[in-house]
């Protein structure tokens, strides 16, 4: 599922993102042991220049499980063996998360059943009542 980032151009938004690198685990042999390819992208929501206070509040509320105690949105990536590619993937993931968090779901409108549906339901109830009535033994008066 693709989300377009309507909140800010990707290049401007990415200027606020800081990166940490570390050695990633998994396959890669000697490369894994000596090269820091795992990327952790950090973005402090509160100090962002691109969002209104209401948008920041919504982002913080929606992404609270991905925000650390210092107020940084954290996205990790160690999918490839290239640090640069991992940075690009982390930025893309972060932009998608923020874009998703800013989407306000539509309010559900309560609908009424149609007249035909109501009549059909009542008729079915009557038929069930008649069927149960027929199961009873005849009464002796």
Protein backbone atom coordinates (compact mmCIF):
# COMPACT_ATOMS: atom_id res chain seq x y z
CA UNK A 1 0.00 0.00 0.00
CA UNK A 2 1.51 3.31 -1.07
CA UNK A 3 0.88 6.63 0.69
CA UNK A 4 1.86 9.93 -0.79
CA UNK A 5 3.41 12.36 1.63
CA UNK A 6 1.27 15.46 1.35
CA UNK A 7 2.56 17.00 4.56
CA UNK A 8 6.02 18.08 3.37
CA UNK A 9 8.40 17.37 0.53
CA UNK A 10 10.53 14.32 1.29
CA UNK A 11 13.81 16.22 1.03
CA UNK A 12 12.77 18.88 3.56
CA UNK A 13 11.33 16.35 6.00
CA UNK A 14 14.44 14.19 5.86
CA UNK A 15 16.62 17.11 6.97
CA UNK A 16 15.17 16.72 10.49
CA UNK A 17 16.02 13.01 10.69
CA UNK A 18 19.16 11.95 12.53
CA UNK A 19 20.81 8.59 11.95
CA UNK A 20 22.65 6.10 14.17
CA UNK A 21 24.46 3.12 12.74
CA UNK A 22 25.38 -0.21 14.27
CA UNK A 23 26.57 -3.60 13.21
CA UNK A 24 23.62 -5.65 12.08
CA UNK A 25 23.18 -9.32 12.78
CA UNK A 26 22.36 -12.13 10.42
CA UNK A 27 24.06 -13.34 7.26
CA UNK A 28 27.00 -11.54 5.76
CA UNK A 29 30.05 -13.22 7.26
CA UNK A 30 33.02 -10.95 7.79
CA UNK A 31 31.08 -7.96 6.41
CA UNK A 32 28.59 -8.18 9.32
CA UNK A 33 31.36 -8.21 11.90
CA UNK A 34 33.20 -5.12 10.71
CA UNK A 35 30.77 -2.84 8.83
CA UNK A 36 27.98 -0.83 10.48
CA UNK A 37 25.12 -1.34 8.04
CA UNK A 38 22.12 -1.32 10.40
CA UNK A 39 20.54 2.15 10.45
CA UNK A 40 18.37 3.67 13.16
CA UNK A 41 16.51 6.78 12.01
CA UNK A 42 15.49 9.22 14.76
CA UNK A 43 13.10 12.15 14.40
CA UNK A 44 12.01 14.42 17.22
CA UNK A 45 8.37 15.20 16.62
CA UNK A 46 8.06 18.10 19.06
CA UNK A 47 10.80 20.18 17.40
CA UNK A 48 9.61 19.69 13.82
CA UNK A 49 9.07 22.84 11.73
CA UNK A 50 6.81 21.15 9.18
CA UNK A 51 3.77 20.32 11.30
CA UNK A 52 1.17 22.22 13.27
CA UNK A 53 0.81 21.45 16.99
CA UNK A 54 -2.41 19.53 16.23
CA UNK A 55 -0.64 17.37 13.64
CA UNK A 56 2.27 16.73 16.02
CA UNK A 57 -0.20 15.67 18.69
CA UNK A 58 -1.93 13.30 16.27
CA UNK A 59 1.39 11.80 15.14
CA UNK A 60 2.49 11.29 18.76
CA UNK A 61 -0.85 9.68 19.65
CA UNK A 62 -0.94 7.35 16.64
CA UNK A 63 2.73 6.30 16.82
CA UNK A 64 3.17 6.17 20.60
CA UNK A 65 4.56 2.60 20.47
CA UNK A 66 7.35 3.71 18.14
CA UNK A 67 8.33 6.82 20.13
CA UNK A 68 10.99 6.50 22.82
CA UNK A 69 10.94 8.26 26.20
CA UNK A 70 12.95 11.20 24.80
CA UNK A 71 10.22 11.95 22.22
CA UNK A 72 12.02 10.54 19.17
CA UNK A 73 10.22 8.49 16.55
CA UNK A 74 12.55 5.52 15.95
CA UNK A 75 12.70 3.40 12.78
CA UNK A 76 15.33 0.69 12.38
CA UNK A 77 16.41 -0.93 9.14
CA UNK A 78 18.90 -3.69 8.47
CA UNK A 79 17.31 -5.18 5.35
CA UNK A 80 20.29 -4.78 3.01
CA UNK A 81 24.07 -4.94 3.36
CA UNK A 82 24.39 -1.33 2.26
CA UNK A 83 24.20 1.44 4.85
CA UNK A 84 23.02 3.95 2.25
CA UNK A 85 20.17 1.71 1.08
CA UNK A 86 19.16 1.07 4.69
CA UNK A 87 19.06 4.83 5.32
CA UNK A 88 16.81 5.34 2.31
CA UNK A 89 14.52 2.50 3.40
CA UNK A 90 14.35 3.87 6.98
CA UNK A 91 13.44 7.37 5.72
CA UNK A 92 10.78 5.91 3.40
CA UNK A 93 9.31 3.84 6.26
CA UNK A 94 9.27 6.86 8.54
CA UNK A 95 7.53 9.01 5.93
CA UNK A 96 4.91 6.30 5.37
CA UNK A 97 4.31 5.97 9.12
CA UNK A 98 3.84 9.72 9.51
CA UNK A 99 1.59 9.90 6.43
CA UNK A 100 -0.59 7.06 7.76
CA UNK A 101 -0.81 8.65 11.21
CA UNK A 102 -2.08 11.93 9.73
CA UNK A 103 -4.97 10.29 7.86
CA UNK A 104 -8.18 10.98 9.76
CA UNK A 105 -10.66 8.11 9.37
CA UNK A 106 -14.14 9.00 8.16
CA UNK A 107 -16.92 8.97 10.72
CA UNK A 108 -19.29 6.05 10.34
CA UNK A 109 -22.82 7.03 9.44
CA UNK A 110 -25.46 4.86 11.06
CA UNK A 111 -27.72 3.36 8.42
CA UNK A 112 -31.36 2.29 8.68
CA UNK A 113 -32.57 -1.04 7.33
CA UNK A 114 -34.83 -0.72 4.31
CA UNK A 115 -38.57 -1.30 4.61
CA UNK A 116 -38.29 -4.49 2.58
CA UNK A 117 -35.56 -5.82 4.89
CA UNK A 118 -37.67 -5.09 7.99
CA UNK A 119 -40.73 -6.80 6.46
CA UNK A 120 -38.64 -9.81 5.40
CA UNK A 121 -37.23 -10.16 8.94
CA UNK A 122 -40.68 -9.92 10.54
CA UNK A 123 -42.10 -12.47 8.07
CA UNK A 124 -39.25 -14.86 8.87
CA UNK A 125 -39.99 -14.46 12.59
CA UNK A 126 -43.67 -15.24 11.98
CA UNK A 127 -42.80 -18.37 10.00
CA UNK A 128 -40.45 -19.55 12.76
CA UNK A 129 -43.17 -18.95 15.39
CA UNK A 130 -45.71 -20.93 13.32
CA UNK A 131 -43.21 -23.78 12.87
CA UNK A 132 -42.62 -23.97 16.64
CA UNK A 133 -46.35 -23.77 17.32
CA UNK A 134 -46.91 -26.78 15.03
CA UNK A 135 -44.43 -28.84 17.08
CA UNK A 136 -46.56 -28.60 20.22
CA UNK A 137 -48.94 -31.44 20.97
CA UNK A 138 -52.63 -30.56 20.45
CA UNK A 139 -54.32 -29.17 23.54
CA UNK A 140 -57.31 -31.08 24.94
CA UNK A 141 -60.09 -28.71 26.05
